[in-house]
Amino acid sequence: MRNVLRRVICSAVMAATCSSIWIASSAVAEQPKSPAAAGKINLKYTQPGFAAAVILKPRRMLDSPLAKGLPPGDIEKQLKQALPDLPISLRQVEELQVFVGPPPAGADRELLVSIALVVRLTADADRQQLVAQFENISEPAECAGKKYTRIKGHIPGGYFFADDGALVIGDEESICEILKTSGPPSPLLEILSRIDSRHDVVAAGVMAPFRQMAAEAAKNAGQKLPPQLQAAAGLPNQIKLAALTFDLAGNHLLTLTLEGNDRAGTAELAKNLIGARDFLKLIYGAKRPEIEQNFPPESRAAAMRLLDELVTGVEVNPDGPRVVLSLRTPAGWANLPATLRPILERLHPPADGANPQPIPIAGPAARRPARGELRLWINDTGEHHLEAQLIAVDGPNVRLKRKDGKVIAVPLDKLSAADQEYVKAAGSGNDQ
């Protein structure tokens, strides 16, 4: 598979650069070459030339109470999209590290950067299955007196299984550098050495190598921003280092730390982040009634409480040469699956033959729906919404009374699966 490594690299580059740099739109020690201590990120298989990194704990995320409450495979599917060519369940991946190098001058725009993946697997994982796709295009190779497997193809790559069982895979230059002795400390390794490893997601990056690319993108995006946020287009020129942590459980969902080029730059970063936070609150306050009407009645109160806490939970705190933006975990976060379930079932009806769970209409316990109550109706494609009351069922059609008083007839089979179940549960009598 000549294009496997290319697709792996491009997917991981997108994940790394977007997470470590564009979440803003930081976190000096010698590179460790021994297993990480508790709470420290294991940086054994990296090299000083890398400029950005994303570290994920797939198994931990999939086993979280929040993930288990969502539709089966939902989060795993999203995570899997980052590495579509690794034929292994993410439940067998304890940790996935993606290290990205700076874009070299004149580089192939499709490749962009050098990259290395470090995959730490569970004890029951089939390591050979993970590299079987390379069997027919690989050969033994050696660098600095150490052996690895070269992957032949348009993009030369390689991999090796480390003594601790980790699989290290990447472009051939990165693999060779990792196999060599450690080099001098680097800004990225300095950032990562300050971050606790016990997060679901860690992303970090040094802005300098990506500044031109980021500045161009920010300039284009800035043209679409409202006047109050125009200054955000200059953020890439003010950022020196960035670090992000994200957790599905804990006191904070997200923490973003930015370090400016100097104290004046950090102050400007803080000013921009505070301005963006205040503008978000202002817009949310104005749009809240409209947003509220987009949720089904049975989920509306819980969904709006969650959104209220998310918006008010954004904090911006200067911290010496850095500024920290954090997002507190809402009190109702643990109940998010129950809040989302009615919405997801409307937008993504279960496949034929599936047995959807009954949707509570009000309160924690389900009840027989009462005809005449105002609710949100969604068609079978999820594209059209209508707030109306169920008046009657006439054969293949249902009669709905809109908020303006007009009564319309809608084919029952053109409604979402959840709405069809609602109609069945309400009964087919002709109440006026």
Protein backbone atom coordinates (compact mmCIF):
# COMPACT_ATOMS: atom_id res chain seq x y z
CA MET A 1 0.00 0.00 0.00
CA ARG A 2 2.06 2.84 -1.32
CA ASN A 3 -0.26 5.57 -0.07
CA VAL A 4 -0.83 4.25 3.45
CA LEU A 5 1.96 6.25 5.08
CA ARG A 6 1.03 9.37 3.10
CA ARG A 7 -2.55 9.25 4.39
CA VAL A 8 -1.47 8.49 7.94
CA ILE A 9 0.94 11.41 7.86
CA CYS A 10 -1.51 13.90 6.36
CA SER A 11 -4.28 12.94 8.79
CA ALA A 12 -2.02 13.22 11.80
CA VAL A 13 -0.55 16.53 10.61
CA MET A 14 -4.02 18.01 10.44
CA ALA A 15 -4.85 16.76 13.93
CA ALA A 16 -1.61 18.02 15.42
CA THR A 17 -1.46 21.45 13.84
CA CYS A 18 -5.15 22.22 14.34
CA SER A 19 -5.20 21.12 17.96
CA SER A 20 -1.95 22.75 19.05
CA ILE A 21 -2.13 26.01 17.11
CA TRP A 22 -5.67 26.83 16.06
CA ILE A 23 -7.43 26.21 19.34
CA ALA A 24 -6.61 29.85 20.08
CA SER A 25 -8.57 31.32 17.22
CA SER A 26 2.65 26.55 27.32
CA ALA A 27 3.81 25.50 29.29
CA VAL A 28 13.92 23.58 29.99
CA ALA A 29 14.98 20.21 30.52
CA GLU A 30 17.17 17.65 28.70
CA GLN A 31 15.23 15.20 26.59
CA PRO A 32 14.29 12.22 28.77
CA LYS A 33 15.28 8.83 27.42
CA SER A 34 13.83 6.63 30.15
CA PRO A 35 10.27 5.58 31.00
CA ALA A 36 8.20 8.48 32.27
CA ALA A 37 7.56 8.88 35.97
CA ALA A 38 4.00 8.99 37.25
CA GLY A 39 2.36 12.15 35.97
CA LYS A 40 5.09 12.78 33.40
CA ILE A 41 4.62 12.30 29.68
CA ASN A 42 6.79 9.52 28.29
CA LEU A 43 9.00 11.24 25.72
CA LYS A 44 11.39 8.35 25.18
CA TYR A 45 10.77 8.09 21.44
CA THR A 46 10.99 11.60 20.12
CA GLN A 47 13.68 13.94 18.86
CA PRO A 48 14.45 17.65 19.29
CA GLY A 49 13.48 18.60 15.75
CA PHE A 50 9.75 18.20 16.30
CA ALA A 51 7.69 21.38 16.63
CA ALA A 52 4.20 20.17 17.60
CA ALA A 53 2.60 17.18 19.25
CA VAL A 54 -0.78 15.68 20.04
CA ILE A 55 -1.09 12.93 22.65
CA LEU A 56 -4.32 10.96 23.02
CA LYS A 57 -5.47 8.29 25.50
CA PRO A 58 -8.02 6.45 23.31
CA ARG A 59 -8.82 3.59 25.69
CA ARG A 60 -9.27 5.93 28.64
CA MET A 61 -11.59 8.15 26.63
CA LEU A 62 -13.67 5.25 25.32
CA ASP A 63 -14.03 3.80 28.83
CA SER A 64 -15.17 7.10 30.35
CA PRO A 65 -18.74 7.24 31.69
CA LEU A 66 -19.54 9.99 29.20
CA ALA A 67 -18.44 7.93 26.18
CA LYS A 68 -20.30 4.85 27.41
CA GLY A 69 -23.50 6.87 27.65
CA LEU A 70 -23.36 8.00 24.01
CA PRO A 71 -24.51 5.86 21.04
CA PRO A 72 -22.19 2.83 20.62
CA GLY A 73 -19.07 3.62 18.61
CA ASP A 74 -19.75 7.37 18.40
CA ILE A 75 -16.52 8.62 19.98
CA GLU A 76 -14.45 5.72 18.63
CA LYS A 77 -15.60 6.56 15.11
CA GLN A 78 -14.52 10.18 15.52
CA LEU A 79 -11.12 9.19 16.92
CA LYS A 80 -10.60 6.56 14.26
CA GLN A 81 -10.94 9.14 11.50
CA ALA A 82 -7.60 10.63 12.56
CA LEU A 83 -5.79 7.41 11.64
CA PRO A 84 -7.97 5.56 9.13
CA ASP A 85 -5.27 3.15 7.96
CA LEU A 86 -4.35 1.57 11.31
CA PRO A 87 -6.36 -1.69 11.38
CA ILE A 88 -6.78 -2.04 15.12
CA SER A 89 -9.45 -1.20 17.65
CA LEU A 90 -8.71 2.00 19.53
CA ARG A 91 -9.66 0.14 22.69
CA GLN A 92 -6.31 -1.62 22.28
CA VAL A 93 -4.42 1.68 22.23
CA GLU A 94 -3.36 3.00 25.64
CA GLU A 95 -1.65 6.08 24.22
CA LEU A 96 -1.09 7.58 20.81
CA GLN A 97 1.56 10.25 20.37
CA VAL A 98 1.79 12.26 17.15
CA PHE A 99 4.96 14.33 16.71
CA VAL A 100 5.19 16.84 13.88
CA GLY A 101 8.28 18.53 12.50
CA PRO A 102 8.51 22.05 11.06
CA PRO A 103 7.60 22.50 7.39
CA PRO A 104 10.90 22.58 5.46
CA ALA A 105 11.42 25.25 2.81
CA GLY A 106 10.13 24.14 -0.57
CA ALA A 107 8.51 21.03 0.88
CA ASP A 108 5.89 19.03 -0.95
CA ARG A 109 2.67 20.84 0.04
CA GLU A 110 0.85 17.51 0.34
CA LEU A 111 3.39 16.18 2.86
CA LEU A 112 4.08 19.48 4.65
CA VAL A 113 6.17 18.11 7.51
CA SER A 114 8.06 15.16 8.93
CA ILE A 115 6.13 13.09 11.42
CA ALA A 116 6.38 10.19 13.84
CA LEU A 117 3.70 8.20 15.64
CA VAL A 118 4.29 6.38 18.92
CA VAL A 119 1.56 3.80 19.57
CA ARG A 120 1.46 2.23 23.03
CA LEU A 121 -0.79 -0.81 22.93
CA THR A 122 -2.64 -2.84 25.52
CA ALA A 123 -1.28 -6.24 26.52
CA ASP A 124 -3.89 -8.09 24.42
CA ALA A 125 -3.27 -6.11 21.20
CA ASP A 126 -1.98 -7.88 18.10
CA ARG A 127 1.13 -5.87 17.25
CA GLN A 128 1.79 -7.70 14.02
CA GLN A 129 -1.72 -6.96 12.79
CA LEU A 130 -0.91 -3.29 13.06
CA VAL A 131 1.97 -3.53 10.57
CA ALA A 132 0.69 -6.38 8.37
CA GLN A 133 -0.41 -3.83 5.77
CA PHE A 134 3.26 -2.98 5.15
CA GLU A 135 4.42 -6.62 4.76
CA ASN A 136 4.75 -6.60 0.97
CA ILE A 137 6.44 -3.20 0.75
CA SER A 138 8.94 -3.43 3.61
CA GLU A 139 12.53 -4.56 4.10
CA PRO A 140 15.06 -4.71 6.96
CA ALA A 141 17.13 -1.55 7.47
CA GLU A 142 19.57 -0.08 9.96
CA CYS A 143 20.45 3.37 11.29
CA ALA A 144 23.07 4.28 13.88
CA GLY A 145 23.65 0.55 14.43
CA LYS A 146 20.01 -0.04 15.33
CA LYS A 147 17.55 -2.06 13.27
CA TYR A 148 14.17 -0.96 11.95
CA THR A 149 11.86 -1.89 9.06
CA ARG A 150 11.87 0.35 6.01
CA ILE A 151 8.59 0.95 4.19
CA LYS A 152 9.18 1.40 0.48
CA GLY A 153 6.99 3.66 -1.58
CA HIS A 154 6.45 7.23 -2.74
CA ILE A 155 7.07 8.46 0.79
CA PRO A 156 9.95 6.52 2.39
CA GLY A 157 8.97 5.47 5.88
CA GLY A 158 9.82 3.01 8.58
CA TYR A 159 8.86 1.51 11.91
CA PHE A 160 10.25 -0.48 14.79
CA PHE A 161 8.93 -2.15 17.91
CA ALA A 162 10.65 -0.73 20.98
CA ASP A 163 11.80 -2.71 24.00
CA ASP A 164 8.77 -1.55 26.00
CA GLY A 165 6.37 -2.77 23.28
CA ALA A 166 5.62 0.62 21.74
CA LEU A 167 5.31 0.82 17.96
CA VAL A 168 7.18 3.78 16.49
CA ILE A 169 6.29 4.64 12.88
CA GLY A 170 7.02 7.63 10.68
CA ASP A 171 8.95 9.03 7.77
CA GLU A 172 12.41 7.48 7.45
CA GLU A 173 14.33 10.59 8.49
CA SER A 174 12.37 10.87 11.74
CA ILE A 175 12.77 7.16 12.50
CA CYS A 176 16.53 7.44 12.04
CA GLU A 177 16.76 10.51 14.29
CA ILE A 178 14.78 8.77 17.02
CA LEU A 179 17.11 5.76 16.87
CA LYS A 180 20.13 8.00 17.35
CA THR A 181 21.25 9.36 20.69
CA SER A 182 19.28 12.25 22.13
CA GLY A 183 20.03 15.76 21.01
CA PRO A 184 19.84 19.07 22.85
CA PRO A 185 16.65 20.20 24.60
CA SER A 186 13.98 21.77 22.42
CA PRO A 187 11.12 24.21 23.09
CA LEU A 188 8.51 21.51 22.39
CA LEU A 189 10.06 19.03 24.80
CA GLU A 190 10.29 21.79 27.39
CA ILE A 191 6.55 22.42 27.07
CA LEU A 192 5.64 18.74 27.25
CA SER A 193 7.89 18.13 30.27
CA ARG A 194 5.74 20.61 32.24
CA ILE A 195 2.41 18.97 31.45
CA ASP A 196 0.87 16.22 33.55
CA SER A 197 0.36 13.07 31.50
CA ARG A 198 -2.97 12.26 33.15
CA HIS A 199 -5.13 14.04 30.58
CA ASP A 200 -7.31 12.54 27.86
CA VAL A 201 -5.75 14.82 25.24
CA VAL A 202 -2.59 16.93 25.31
CA ALA A 203 -1.55 19.17 22.42
CA ALA A 204 1.44 21.49 22.30
CA GLY A 205 3.29 23.46 19.70
CA VAL A 206 5.94 26.04 18.92
CA MET A 207 4.49 28.76 16.72
CA ALA A 208 7.64 29.96 14.93
CA PRO A 209 7.84 27.17 12.28
CA PHE A 210 4.14 27.53 11.46
CA ARG A 211 3.81 31.29 11.88
CA GLN A 212 3.62 32.20 8.20
CA MET A 213 1.08 29.47 7.45
CA ALA A 214 -1.00 30.39 10.52
CA ALA A 215 -0.81 34.12 9.80
CA GLU A 216 -2.13 33.62 6.27
CA ALA A 217 -5.01 31.50 7.52
CA ALA A 218 -5.77 33.98 10.31
CA LYS A 219 -5.79 36.87 7.87
CA ASN A 220 -8.32 35.10 5.65
CA ALA A 221 -10.46 34.12 8.63
CA GLY A 222 -10.23 37.61 10.10
CA GLN A 223 -12.06 39.06 7.12
CA LYS A 224 -15.15 37.11 8.19
CA LEU A 225 -14.98 38.04 11.88
CA PRO A 226 -17.13 40.78 13.43
CA PRO A 227 -15.33 44.08 14.18
CA GLN A 228 -15.06 43.20 17.89
CA LEU A 229 -12.86 40.20 17.00
CA GLN A 230 -10.81 41.59 14.13
CA ALA A 231 -7.73 41.86 16.35
CA ALA A 232 -7.74 38.04 16.73
CA ALA A 233 -6.34 37.81 13.20
CA GLY A 234 -3.02 38.97 14.63
CA LEU A 235 -2.78 36.20 17.25
CA PRO A 236 -0.26 34.04 15.33
CA ASN A 237 2.22 36.94 15.41
CA GLN A 238 1.92 37.23 19.20
CA ILE A 239 2.13 33.55 20.19
CA LYS A 240 5.44 31.88 21.02
CA LEU A 241 4.25 28.61 22.57
CA ALA A 242 0.86 26.95 23.04
CA ALA A 243 -0.38 24.01 25.08
CA LEU A 244 -3.82 22.47 25.39
CA THR A 245 -5.31 19.82 27.67
CA PHE A 246 -8.76 18.29 27.36
CA ASP A 247 -10.59 15.83 29.62
CA LEU A 248 -13.97 14.15 29.42
CA ALA A 249 -14.07 14.09 33.23
CA GLY A 250 -12.62 16.40 35.87
CA ASN A 251 -12.93 20.00 37.03
CA HIS A 252 -12.01 21.50 33.66
CA LEU A 253 -12.98 20.33 30.20
CA LEU A 254 -10.27 22.36 28.52
CA THR A 255 -7.25 24.43 29.46
CA LEU A 256 -5.35 26.46 26.88
CA THR A 257 -2.05 28.07 27.82
CA LEU A 258 -0.43 30.64 25.53
CA GLU A 259 2.96 32.26 25.93
CA GLY A 260 3.65 35.47 24.08
CA ASN A 261 6.85 36.46 22.33
CA ASP A 262 7.42 38.93 25.19
CA ARG A 263 5.42 40.42 28.08
CA ALA A 264 3.76 42.94 25.78
CA GLY A 265 2.72 40.09 23.49
CA THR A 266 1.33 38.10 26.43
CA ALA A 267 -0.64 41.14 27.58
CA GLU A 268 -2.08 41.51 24.08
CA LEU A 269 -2.99 37.82 24.05
CA ALA A 270 -4.83 38.21 27.36
CA LYS A 271 -6.65 41.28 26.04
CA ASN A 272 -7.78 39.40 22.92
CA LEU A 273 -8.91 36.32 24.84
CA ILE A 274 -10.86 38.41 27.38
CA GLY A 275 -12.46 40.36 24.53
CA ALA A 276 -13.45 37.12 22.75
CA ARG A 277 -14.89 35.69 25.97
CA ASP A 278 -16.97 38.80 26.66
CA PHE A 279 -18.18 38.95 23.05
CA LEU A 280 -19.21 35.28 23.25
CA LYS A 281 -21.28 36.00 26.35
CA LEU A 282 -22.87 39.02 24.69
CA ILE A 283 -23.83 37.15 21.53
CA TYR A 284 -25.04 34.13 23.47
CA GLY A 285 -27.27 36.31 25.62
CA ALA A 286 -28.83 37.87 22.55
CA LYS A 287 -29.27 34.58 20.69
CA ARG A 288 -30.28 32.45 23.67
CA PRO A 289 -34.07 32.53 23.04
CA GLU A 290 -33.50 31.53 19.42
CA ILE A 291 -31.07 28.76 20.37
CA GLU A 292 -33.48 27.44 22.98
CA GLN A 293 -36.19 26.89 20.38
CA ASN A 294 -33.90 24.62 18.36
CA PHE A 295 -33.92 21.92 21.06
CA PRO A 296 -36.72 19.36 21.42
CA PRO A 297 -38.98 20.24 24.35
CA GLU A 298 -38.01 17.10 26.23
CA SER A 299 -34.31 18.13 26.21
CA ARG A 300 -34.63 21.90 26.16
CA ALA A 301 -34.22 22.75 29.85
CA ALA A 302 -31.25 20.42 30.41
CA ALA A 303 -29.54 21.49 27.18
CA MET A 304 -29.88 25.18 27.98
CA ARG A 305 -28.56 24.72 31.53
CA LEU A 306 -25.52 22.98 30.04
CA LEU A 307 -24.95 25.74 27.48
CA ASP A 308 -25.37 28.44 30.15
CA GLU A 309 -22.68 26.82 32.29
CA LEU A 310 -20.33 26.37 29.33
CA VAL A 311 -20.57 30.04 28.37
CA THR A 312 -20.20 31.33 31.94
CA GLY A 313 -17.47 28.77 32.68
CA VAL A 314 -14.86 30.40 30.41
CA GLU A 315 -12.09 32.01 32.47
CA VAL A 316 -9.01 33.96 31.34
CA ASN A 317 -6.15 34.38 33.83
CA PRO A 318 -2.72 35.96 33.20
CA ASP A 319 0.05 33.83 34.74
CA GLY A 320 3.41 35.59 34.49
CA PRO A 321 4.73 35.20 30.93
CA ARG A 322 1.66 33.17 30.00
CA VAL A 323 -2.10 33.56 29.84
CA VAL A 324 -4.40 30.64 30.66
CA LEU A 325 -7.88 30.17 29.22
CA SER A 326 -9.88 27.46 30.95
CA LEU A 327 -13.36 26.01 30.60
CA ARG A 328 -14.98 24.65 33.75
CA THR A 329 -16.82 21.35 33.50
CA PRO A 330 -20.58 22.04 33.82
CA ALA A 331 -22.43 20.42 36.70
CA GLY A 332 -24.67 18.60 34.22
CA TRP A 333 -21.80 17.28 32.09
CA ALA A 334 -22.19 13.71 33.39
CA ASN A 335 -25.80 13.77 32.14
CA LEU A 336 -24.81 14.89 28.65
CA PRO A 337 -25.65 11.52 26.99
CA ALA A 338 -29.19 11.64 28.36
CA THR A 339 -29.51 15.25 27.18
CA LEU A 340 -28.21 14.46 23.69
CA ARG A 341 -30.01 11.17 23.13
CA PRO A 342 -33.34 12.63 21.92
CA ILE A 343 -31.51 15.03 19.63
CA LEU A 344 -29.21 12.36 18.18
CA GLU A 345 -32.06 9.93 17.66
CA ARG A 346 -33.98 12.58 15.73
CA LEU A 347 -31.04 13.55 13.54
CA HIS A 348 -29.76 9.96 13.11
CA PRO A 349 -32.75 7.56 13.21
CA PRO A 350 -31.88 3.93 14.09
CA ALA A 351 -31.39 1.52 11.20
CA ASP A 352 -34.27 -0.69 10.06
CA GLY A 353 -34.82 -3.46 12.53
CA ALA A 354 -33.22 -1.59 15.41
CA ASN A 355 -35.13 -1.10 18.62
CA PRO A 356 -34.74 2.53 19.69
CA GLN A 357 -35.07 3.32 23.36
CA PRO A 358 -38.21 5.28 24.28
CA ILE A 359 -37.56 9.00 24.54
CA PRO A 360 -38.72 10.66 27.76
CA ILE A 361 -41.12 13.48 26.91
CA ALA A 362 -40.91 15.29 30.24
CA GLY A 363 -38.95 14.74 33.42
CA PRO A 364 -36.70 11.76 34.10
CA ALA A 365 -39.49 9.19 33.62
CA ALA A 366 -41.16 8.60 30.26
CA ARG A 367 -44.89 9.21 29.98
CA ARG A 368 -47.54 8.82 27.31
CA PRO A 369 -47.27 11.93 25.12
CA ALA A 370 -50.24 14.27 25.25
CA ARG A 371 -51.61 15.45 21.96
CA GLY A 372 -51.72 19.24 21.77
CA GLU A 373 -48.35 19.95 23.38
CA LEU A 374 -45.94 22.19 21.47
CA ARG A 375 -42.82 20.32 20.35
CA LEU A 376 -40.11 20.31 17.68
CA TRP A 377 -40.76 18.07 14.66
CA ILE A 378 -37.96 16.97 12.33
CA ASN A 379 -38.23 15.39 8.90
CA ASP A 380 -36.60 12.08 7.94
CA THR A 381 -33.47 13.74 6.51
CA GLY A 382 -32.94 16.00 9.53
CA GLU A 383 -32.87 19.06 7.27
CA HIS A 384 -36.23 20.64 8.19
CA HIS A 385 -37.54 21.53 11.67
CA LEU A 386 -41.00 22.72 12.68
CA GLU A 387 -42.39 23.66 16.08
CA ALA A 388 -46.03 22.56 16.21
CA GLN A 389 -48.76 20.65 18.07
CA LEU A 390 -50.04 17.22 17.09
CA ILE A 391 -53.76 17.64 16.30
CA ALA A 392 -54.74 14.37 14.65
CA VAL A 393 -53.64 11.38 12.60
CA ASP A 394 -55.50 10.94 9.30
CA GLY A 395 -54.44 7.70 7.67
CA PRO A 396 -50.93 8.17 6.27
CA ASN A 397 -50.81 11.83 7.33
CA VAL A 398 -50.57 13.73 10.60
CA ARG A 399 -52.15 17.12 11.13
CA LEU A 400 -49.89 19.61 12.91
CA LYS A 401 -50.85 23.04 14.23
CA ARG A 402 -48.04 25.56 13.81
CA LYS A 403 -47.30 28.37 16.27
CA ASP A 404 -49.07 30.82 13.96
CA GLY A 405 -52.28 28.76 14.20
CA LYS A 406 -52.16 27.28 10.69
CA VAL A 407 -52.89 23.53 10.48
CA ILE A 408 -50.87 21.52 7.96
CA ALA A 409 -50.85 17.87 6.86
CA VAL A 410 -47.52 16.02 6.82
CA PRO A 411 -46.97 12.42 5.59
CA LEU A 412 -46.13 10.28 8.61
CA ASP A 413 -43.39 8.42 6.73
CA LYS A 414 -41.62 11.72 6.02
CA LEU A 415 -41.08 12.37 9.73
CA SER A 416 -38.01 11.25 11.67
CA ALA A 417 -38.15 7.82 13.30
CA ALA A 418 -38.41 9.45 16.74
CA ASP A 419 -41.36 11.59 15.63
CA GLN A 420 -43.11 8.56 14.15
CA GLU A 421 -42.70 6.77 17.48
CA TYR A 422 -44.12 9.84 19.22
CA VAL A 423 -47.20 9.74 17.00
CA LYS A 424 -47.70 6.02 17.64
CA ALA A 425 -47.37 6.54 21.38
CA ALA A 426 -49.90 9.40 21.30
CA GLY A 427 -52.50 7.16 19.70
CA SER A 428 -54.46 7.69 16.52
CA GLY A 429 -57.68 9.25 17.83
CA ASN A 430 -58.86 12.51 16.28
CA ASP A 431 -58.71 14.97 19.18
CA GLN A 432 -59.57 18.52 18.17
